Amino acid sequence: MYNKTLHARIFYFIVGLVFIAIWFMRGFEGSISIIFISIFSAGGITITLDHIVLRKIIWKKWPNLLKFLVPIPYLGGEWKGILKSSYVDPETQEKAGMIEARIKITHDFDSIHVFHETNQSYSSSYMSGIVEQGPNSSESEKFLYYLFANNADKNRDKNPPHEGTVKLRIKTEENGDLKLMGHYWTNRKTIGEICFYRETTKSSR
């Protein structure tokens, strides 16, 4: 989800800078043991900066600042949309048709989680990621994939727990807003179409 090679290079570069700063404060003097201690100190400081400043603060508040490192849009927040399912009610033999749905996405620096909810059931992703498909990074399409486990709030006899897969294209509209659209399929042999628009970049969950 992020450029691991570039991240590693930046990490070691900062370790070097911090080490030089520590050694400078020592007057560029010291034994071999002091040098090793300085190196470990520089590594510890850099790890702290990476996990707290970069991942917890900058990524959460200003994700666009890290586009050079994370070449995918920030998807965190709450989304609202509609899904069209092929599910057929076993009693009435009628298709479910259009169903209003909401998703809440937790998009961390190196992971993403999706919680999906309708007025009948809810699901949570247990494996997810963003995949680029295309000739190169500038022309590629980006897709959010995730595997989910679904449970019903009611009518569990007609809507038993099941699992499935979702593939959503990440599309940028002309006004700059993001749109998620695609398909899903489940192990109970149902398929469907999904379309979501983001309401807020903050999640209440």
C-alpha atoms as a PDB file:
ATOM      1  CA  MET A   1       0.000   0.000   0.000  1.00  0.00           C
ATOM      2  CA  TYR A   2       3.001   2.266   0.399  1.00  0.00           C
ATOM      3  CA  ASN A   3       6.362   2.368  -1.347  1.00  0.00           C
ATOM      4  CA  LYS A   4       8.357   0.128   0.969  1.00  0.00           C
ATOM      5  CA  THR A   5      11.633   0.663  -0.877  1.00  0.00           C
ATOM      6  CA  LEU A   6      11.410   4.433  -0.698  1.00  0.00           C
ATOM      7  CA  HIS A   7      10.242   4.265   2.920  1.00  0.00           C
ATOM      8  CA  ALA A   8      13.279   2.150   3.839  1.00  0.00           C
ATOM      9  CA  ARG A   9      15.657   4.555   2.107  1.00  0.00           C
ATOM     10  CA  ILE A  10      14.168   7.549   3.905  1.00  0.00           C
ATOM     11  CA  PHE A  11      14.264   5.655   7.207  1.00  0.00           C
ATOM     12  CA  TYR A  12      17.971   4.831   6.951  1.00  0.00           C
ATOM     13  CA  PHE A  13      18.754   8.336   5.711  1.00  0.00           C
ATOM     14  CA  ILE A  14      17.110   9.813   8.811  1.00  0.00           C
ATOM     15  CA  VAL A  15      18.936   7.305  11.022  1.00  0.00           C
ATOM     16  CA  GLY A  16      22.183   8.580   9.506  1.00  0.00           C
ATOM     17  CA  LEU A  17      21.248  12.224  10.070  1.00  0.00           C
ATOM     18  CA  VAL A  18      20.240  11.593  13.693  1.00  0.00           C
ATOM     19  CA  PHE A  19      23.452   9.637  14.305  1.00  0.00           C
ATOM     20  CA  ILE A  20      25.549  12.496  12.904  1.00  0.00           C
ATOM     21  CA  ALA A  21      23.632  14.970  15.087  1.00  0.00           C
ATOM     22  CA  ILE A  22      24.230  12.843  18.218  1.00  0.00           C
ATOM     23  CA  TRP A  23      27.904  12.363  17.368  1.00  0.00           C
ATOM     24  CA  PHE A  24      28.257  16.093  16.659  1.00  0.00           C
ATOM     25  CA  MET A  25      26.890  16.890  20.127  1.00  0.00           C
ATOM     26  CA  ARG A  26      29.579  14.590  21.493  1.00  0.00           C
ATOM     27  CA  GLY A  27      32.225  16.558  19.610  1.00  0.00           C
ATOM     28  CA  PHE A  28      32.845  13.707  17.141  1.00  0.00           C
ATOM     29  CA  GLU A  29      34.654  11.869  19.895  1.00  0.00           C
ATOM     30  CA  GLY A  30      34.042   8.590  21.642  1.00  0.00           C
ATOM     31  CA  SER A  31      34.949   4.943  21.805  1.00  0.00           C
ATOM     32  CA  ILE A  32      33.587   2.180  19.602  1.00  0.00           C
ATOM     33  CA  SER A  33      30.990   1.365  22.263  1.00  0.00           C
ATOM     34  CA  ILE A  34      29.831   5.000  22.329  1.00  0.00           C
ATOM     35  CA  ILE A  35      29.496   4.967  18.544  1.00  0.00           C
ATOM     36  CA  PHE A  36      27.343   1.805  18.673  1.00  0.00           C
ATOM     37  CA  ILE A  37      25.198   3.301  21.420  1.00  0.00           C
ATOM     38  CA  SER A  38      24.758   6.407  19.270  1.00  0.00           C
ATOM     39  CA  ILE A  39      23.703   4.273  16.310  1.00  0.00           C
ATOM     40  CA  PHE A  40      21.089   2.398  18.386  1.00  0.00           C
ATOM     41  CA  SER A  41      19.881   5.705  19.831  1.00  0.00           C
ATOM     42  CA  ALA A  42      19.509   7.123  16.324  1.00  0.00           C
ATOM     43  CA  GLY A  43      17.539   4.017  15.280  1.00  0.00           C
ATOM     44  CA  GLY A  44      15.238   4.296  18.291  1.00  0.00           C
ATOM     45  CA  ILE A  45      14.571   7.980  17.675  1.00  0.00           C
ATOM     46  CA  THR A  46      13.828   7.332  14.002  1.00  0.00           C
ATOM     47  CA  ILE A  47      11.450   4.452  14.812  1.00  0.00           C
ATOM     48  CA  THR A  48       9.586   6.750  17.197  1.00  0.00           C
ATOM     49  CA  LEU A  49       9.348   9.465  14.544  1.00  0.00           C
ATOM     50  CA  ASP A  50       8.132   6.925  11.987  1.00  0.00           C
ATOM     51  CA  HIS A  51       5.434   5.304  14.128  1.00  0.00           C
ATOM     52  CA  ILE A  52       4.170   8.370  15.960  1.00  0.00           C
ATOM     53  CA  VAL A  53       4.848  11.430  13.819  1.00  0.00           C
ATOM     54  CA  LEU A  54       4.553   9.889  10.342  1.00  0.00           C
ATOM     55  CA  ARG A  55       1.942   7.127  10.805  1.00  0.00           C
ATOM     56  CA  LYS A  56      -0.214   8.490  13.622  1.00  0.00           C
ATOM     57  CA  ILE A  57      -0.118  12.252  13.089  1.00  0.00           C
ATOM     58  CA  ILE A  58       0.821  13.243   9.532  1.00  0.00           C
ATOM     59  CA  TRP A  59      -0.966  10.324   7.819  1.00  0.00           C
ATOM     60  CA  LYS A  60      -4.127  10.807   9.876  1.00  0.00           C
ATOM     61  CA  LYS A  61      -4.329  14.598   9.591  1.00  0.00           C
ATOM     62  CA  TRP A  62      -2.609  15.438   6.303  1.00  0.00           C
ATOM     63  CA  PRO A  63      -2.415  12.256   4.154  1.00  0.00           C
ATOM     64  CA  ASN A  64      -1.915  14.265   0.961  1.00  0.00           C
ATOM     65  CA  LEU A  65       1.519  15.310   2.233  1.00  0.00           C
ATOM     66  CA  LEU A  66       2.635  11.695   1.831  1.00  0.00           C
ATOM     67  CA  LYS A  67       1.578  11.181  -1.791  1.00  0.00           C
ATOM     68  CA  PHE A  68       5.222  10.666  -2.754  1.00  0.00           C
ATOM     69  CA  LEU A  69       5.342   7.718  -0.341  1.00  0.00           C
ATOM     70  CA  VAL A  70       1.746   6.426  -0.496  1.00  0.00           C
ATOM     71  CA  PRO A  71       0.586   6.744  -4.142  1.00  0.00           C
ATOM     72  CA  ILE A  72      -3.029   5.860  -3.376  1.00  0.00           C
ATOM     73  CA  PRO A  73      -5.896   8.094  -2.216  1.00  0.00           C
ATOM     74  CA  TYR A  74      -6.780   8.226   1.465  1.00  0.00           C
ATOM     75  CA  LEU A  75     -10.043   6.268   1.807  1.00  0.00           C
ATOM     76  CA  GLY A  76     -10.679   6.619   5.526  1.00  0.00           C
ATOM     77  CA  GLY A  77     -14.069   7.833   6.709  1.00  0.00           C
ATOM     78  CA  GLU A  78     -17.761   7.097   6.250  1.00  0.00           C
ATOM     79  CA  TRP A  79     -19.345   6.321   2.899  1.00  0.00           C
ATOM     80  CA  LYS A  80     -22.962   6.016   1.822  1.00  0.00           C
ATOM     81  CA  GLY A  81     -24.344   4.273  -1.228  1.00  0.00           C
ATOM     82  CA  ILE A  82     -26.451   1.563  -2.780  1.00  0.00           C
ATOM     83  CA  LEU A  83     -25.900  -2.078  -3.587  1.00  0.00           C
ATOM     84  CA  LYS A  84     -27.914  -4.138  -6.035  1.00  0.00           C
ATOM     85  CA  SER A  85     -28.038  -7.794  -5.085  1.00  0.00           C
ATOM     86  CA  SER A  86     -29.070 -10.924  -6.949  1.00  0.00           C
ATOM     87  CA  TYR A  87     -30.266 -12.438  -3.660  1.00  0.00           C
ATOM     88  CA  VAL A  88     -33.741 -14.007  -3.937  1.00  0.00           C
ATOM     89  CA  ASP A  89     -36.007 -14.240  -0.900  1.00  0.00           C
ATOM     90  CA  PRO A  90     -36.707 -17.970  -0.406  1.00  0.00           C
ATOM     91  CA  GLU A  91     -40.304 -17.283   0.654  1.00  0.00           C
ATOM     92  CA  THR A  92     -41.458 -14.658  -1.836  1.00  0.00           C
ATOM     93  CA  GLN A  93     -39.019 -15.552  -4.634  1.00  0.00           C
ATOM     94  CA  GLU A  94     -38.425 -11.828  -5.124  1.00  0.00           C
ATOM     95  CA  LYS A  95     -35.018 -10.278  -5.681  1.00  0.00           C
ATOM     96  CA  ALA A  96     -33.657  -7.957  -3.029  1.00  0.00           C
ATOM     97  CA  GLY A  97     -33.177  -5.172  -5.579  1.00  0.00           C
ATOM     98  CA  MET A  98     -31.618  -1.879  -4.471  1.00  0.00           C
ATOM     99  CA  ILE A  99     -30.431  -1.738  -0.856  1.00  0.00           C
ATOM    100  CA  GLU A 100     -29.125   1.342   0.945  1.00  0.00           C
ATOM    101  CA  ALA A 101     -25.792   0.675   2.603  1.00  0.00           C
ATOM    102  CA  ARG A 102     -23.009   2.365   4.505  1.00  0.00           C
ATOM    103  CA  ILE A 103     -19.346   1.541   4.926  1.00  0.00           C
ATOM    104  CA  LYS A 104     -16.802   2.812   7.418  1.00  0.00           C
ATOM    105  CA  ILE A 105     -13.191   2.563   6.314  1.00  0.00           C
ATOM    106  CA  THR A 106     -10.234   2.671   8.671  1.00  0.00           C
ATOM    107  CA  HIS A 107      -7.270   3.495   6.466  1.00  0.00           C
ATOM    108  CA  ASP A 108      -3.989   3.305   8.339  1.00  0.00           C
ATOM    109  CA  PHE A 109      -0.578   3.930   6.819  1.00  0.00           C
ATOM    110  CA  ASP A 110       0.021   0.263   6.061  1.00  0.00           C
ATOM    111  CA  SER A 111      -3.411  -1.357   6.354  1.00  0.00           C
ATOM    112  CA  ILE A 112      -7.084  -0.841   5.577  1.00  0.00           C
ATOM    113  CA  HIS A 113     -10.261  -2.231   7.187  1.00  0.00           C
ATOM    114  CA  VAL A 114     -13.858  -2.020   5.950  1.00  0.00           C
ATOM    115  CA  PHE A 115     -17.029  -2.280   8.048  1.00  0.00           C
ATOM    116  CA  HIS A 116     -20.197  -2.612   5.941  1.00  0.00           C
ATOM    117  CA  GLU A 117     -23.760  -2.194   7.205  1.00  0.00           C
ATOM    118  CA  THR A 118     -27.337  -2.253   5.865  1.00  0.00           C
ATOM    119  CA  ASN A 119     -30.651  -2.262   7.718  1.00  0.00           C
ATOM    120  CA  GLN A 120     -30.572  -6.064   7.652  1.00  0.00           C
ATOM    121  CA  SER A 121     -26.987  -7.175   8.136  1.00  0.00           C
ATOM    122  CA  TYR A 122     -23.400  -6.125   8.756  1.00  0.00           C
ATOM    123  CA  SER A 123     -20.023  -7.367   7.615  1.00  0.00           C
ATOM    124  CA  SER A 124     -16.385  -6.767   8.435  1.00  0.00           C
ATOM    125  CA  SER A 125     -13.323  -7.302   6.289  1.00  0.00           C
ATOM    126  CA  TYR A 126     -10.706  -9.780   7.482  1.00  0.00           C
ATOM    127  CA  MET A 127      -8.298  -9.343   4.566  1.00  0.00           C
ATOM    128  CA  SER A 128      -8.008  -6.236   2.397  1.00  0.00           C
ATOM    129  CA  GLY A 129      -5.689  -4.205   0.229  1.00  0.00           C
ATOM    130  CA  ILE A 130      -5.377  -1.822  -2.690  1.00  0.00           C
ATOM    131  CA  VAL A 131      -4.135  -3.107  -6.030  1.00  0.00           C
ATOM    132  CA  GLU A 132      -2.938  -1.116  -9.038  1.00  0.00           C
ATOM    133  CA  GLN A 133      -3.691  -2.506 -12.496  1.00  0.00           C
ATOM    134  CA  GLY A 134      -2.269  -0.876 -15.607  1.00  0.00           C
ATOM    135  CA  PRO A 135       0.853  -0.345 -17.725  1.00  0.00           C
ATOM    136  CA  ASN A 136       2.481   2.047 -15.238  1.00  0.00           C
ATOM    137  CA  SER A 137       1.767   3.914 -12.013  1.00  0.00           C
ATOM    138  CA  SER A 138       0.649   7.113 -13.751  1.00  0.00           C
ATOM    139  CA  GLU A 139      -1.942   5.347 -15.932  1.00  0.00           C
ATOM    140  CA  SER A 140      -2.996   2.493 -13.659  1.00  0.00           C
ATOM    141  CA  GLU A 141      -6.445   1.976 -12.199  1.00  0.00           C
ATOM    142  CA  LYS A 142      -6.623   1.470  -8.436  1.00  0.00           C
ATOM    143  CA  PHE A 143      -8.942  -1.080  -6.828  1.00  0.00           C
ATOM    144  CA  LEU A 144      -9.920  -1.789  -3.236  1.00  0.00           C
ATOM    145  CA  TYR A 145     -10.248  -5.525  -2.644  1.00  0.00           C
ATOM    146  CA  TYR A 146     -11.459  -7.152   0.547  1.00  0.00           C
ATOM    147  CA  LEU A 147     -12.757 -10.445   1.884  1.00  0.00           C
ATOM    148  CA  PHE A 148     -15.618 -10.149   4.337  1.00  0.00           C
ATOM    149  CA  ALA A 149     -17.712 -12.148   6.781  1.00  0.00           C
ATOM    150  CA  ASN A 150     -21.398 -11.190   6.944  1.00  0.00           C
ATOM    151  CA  ASN A 151     -23.898 -11.591   9.773  1.00  0.00           C
ATOM    152  CA  ALA A 152     -27.595 -10.681   9.854  1.00  0.00           C
ATOM    153  CA  ASP A 153     -29.255  -8.593  12.565  1.00  0.00           C
ATOM    154  CA  LYS A 154     -32.618 -10.248  11.860  1.00  0.00           C
ATOM    155  CA  ASN A 155     -34.148 -13.032   9.757  1.00  0.00           C
ATOM    156  CA  ARG A 156     -31.024 -15.141  10.137  1.00  0.00           C
ATOM    157  CA  ASP A 157     -32.922 -18.191   8.891  1.00  0.00           C
ATOM    158  CA  LYS A 158     -33.377 -16.524   5.486  1.00  0.00           C
ATOM    159  CA  ASN A 159     -30.062 -14.675   5.612  1.00  0.00           C
ATOM    160  CA  PRO A 160     -27.507 -16.995   7.238  1.00  0.00           C
ATOM    161  CA  PRO A 161     -23.890 -15.945   7.880  1.00  0.00           C
ATOM    162  CA  HIS A 162     -21.794 -16.006   4.745  1.00  0.00           C
ATOM    163  CA  GLU A 163     -18.509 -14.793   3.282  1.00  0.00           C
ATOM    164  CA  GLY A 164     -17.614 -12.962   0.119  1.00  0.00           C
ATOM    165  CA  THR A 165     -15.254 -10.824  -1.889  1.00  0.00           C
ATOM    166  CA  VAL A 166     -15.552  -7.194  -2.989  1.00  0.00           C
ATOM    167  CA  LYS A 167     -13.713  -5.395  -5.773  1.00  0.00           C
ATOM    168  CA  LEU A 168     -14.210  -1.621  -5.896  1.00  0.00           C
ATOM    169  CA  ARG A 169     -12.673   0.765  -8.388  1.00  0.00           C
ATOM    170  CA  ILE A 170     -11.349   3.962  -6.784  1.00  0.00           C
ATOM    171  CA  LYS A 171     -12.524   6.728  -9.094  1.00  0.00           C
ATOM    172  CA  THR A 172     -11.902  10.461  -8.816  1.00  0.00           C
ATOM    173  CA  GLU A 173     -14.818  12.606  -9.972  1.00  0.00           C
ATOM    174  CA  GLU A 174     -14.401  15.889 -11.887  1.00  0.00           C
ATOM    175  CA  ASN A 175     -14.928  17.876  -8.664  1.00  0.00           C
ATOM    176  CA  GLY A 176     -12.168  15.907  -6.934  1.00  0.00           C
ATOM    177  CA  ASP A 177     -14.459  13.735  -4.799  1.00  0.00           C
ATOM    178  CA  LEU A 178     -13.815  10.021  -4.588  1.00  0.00           C
ATOM    179  CA  LYS A 179     -16.240   7.315  -5.651  1.00  0.00           C
ATOM    180  CA  LEU A 180     -16.083   3.570  -5.004  1.00  0.00           C
ATOM    181  CA  MET A 181     -17.871   1.381  -7.509  1.00  0.00           C
ATOM    182  CA  GLY A 182     -17.678  -2.273  -8.391  1.00  0.00           C
ATOM    183  CA  HIS A 183     -18.969  -5.751  -7.656  1.00  0.00           C
ATOM    184  CA  TYR A 184     -19.161  -8.412  -4.985  1.00  0.00           C
ATOM    185  CA  TRP A 185     -19.805 -12.124  -4.928  1.00  0.00           C
ATOM    186  CA  THR A 186     -20.433 -14.533  -2.048  1.00  0.00           C
ATOM    187  CA  ASN A 187     -20.141 -18.208  -1.192  1.00  0.00           C
ATOM    188  CA  ARG A 188     -23.936 -18.517  -1.249  1.00  0.00           C
ATOM    189  CA  LYS A 189     -23.797 -17.874  -4.997  1.00  0.00           C
ATOM    190  CA  THR A 190     -25.076 -14.288  -4.955  1.00  0.00           C
ATOM    191  CA  ILE A 191     -23.503 -11.369  -6.806  1.00  0.00           C
ATOM    192  CA  GLY A 192     -24.146  -7.666  -6.847  1.00  0.00           C
ATOM    193  CA  GLU A 193     -23.127  -4.162  -7.835  1.00  0.00           C
ATOM    194  CA  ILE A 194     -21.961  -1.499  -5.369  1.00  0.00           C
ATOM    195  CA  CYS A 195     -21.534   2.277  -5.540  1.00  0.00           C
ATOM    196  CA  PHE A 196     -20.428   4.498  -2.648  1.00  0.00           C
ATOM    197  CA  TYR A 197     -19.767   8.219  -2.133  1.00  0.00           C
ATOM    198  CA  ARG A 198     -17.843   9.524   0.867  1.00  0.00           C
ATOM    199  CA  GLU A 199     -19.715  11.658   3.379  1.00  0.00           C
ATOM    200  CA  THR A 200     -16.843  12.417   5.746  1.00  0.00           C
ATOM    201  CA  THR A 201     -13.173  11.539   6.194  1.00  0.00           C
ATOM    202  CA  LYS A 202     -13.793  10.919   9.897  1.00  0.00           C
ATOM    203  CA  SER A 203     -15.242   7.689  11.234  1.00  0.00           C
ATOM    204  CA  SER A 204     -17.482   7.537  14.300  1.00  0.00           C
ATOM    205  CA  ARG A 205     -16.763   3.848  14.817  1.00  0.00           C
END
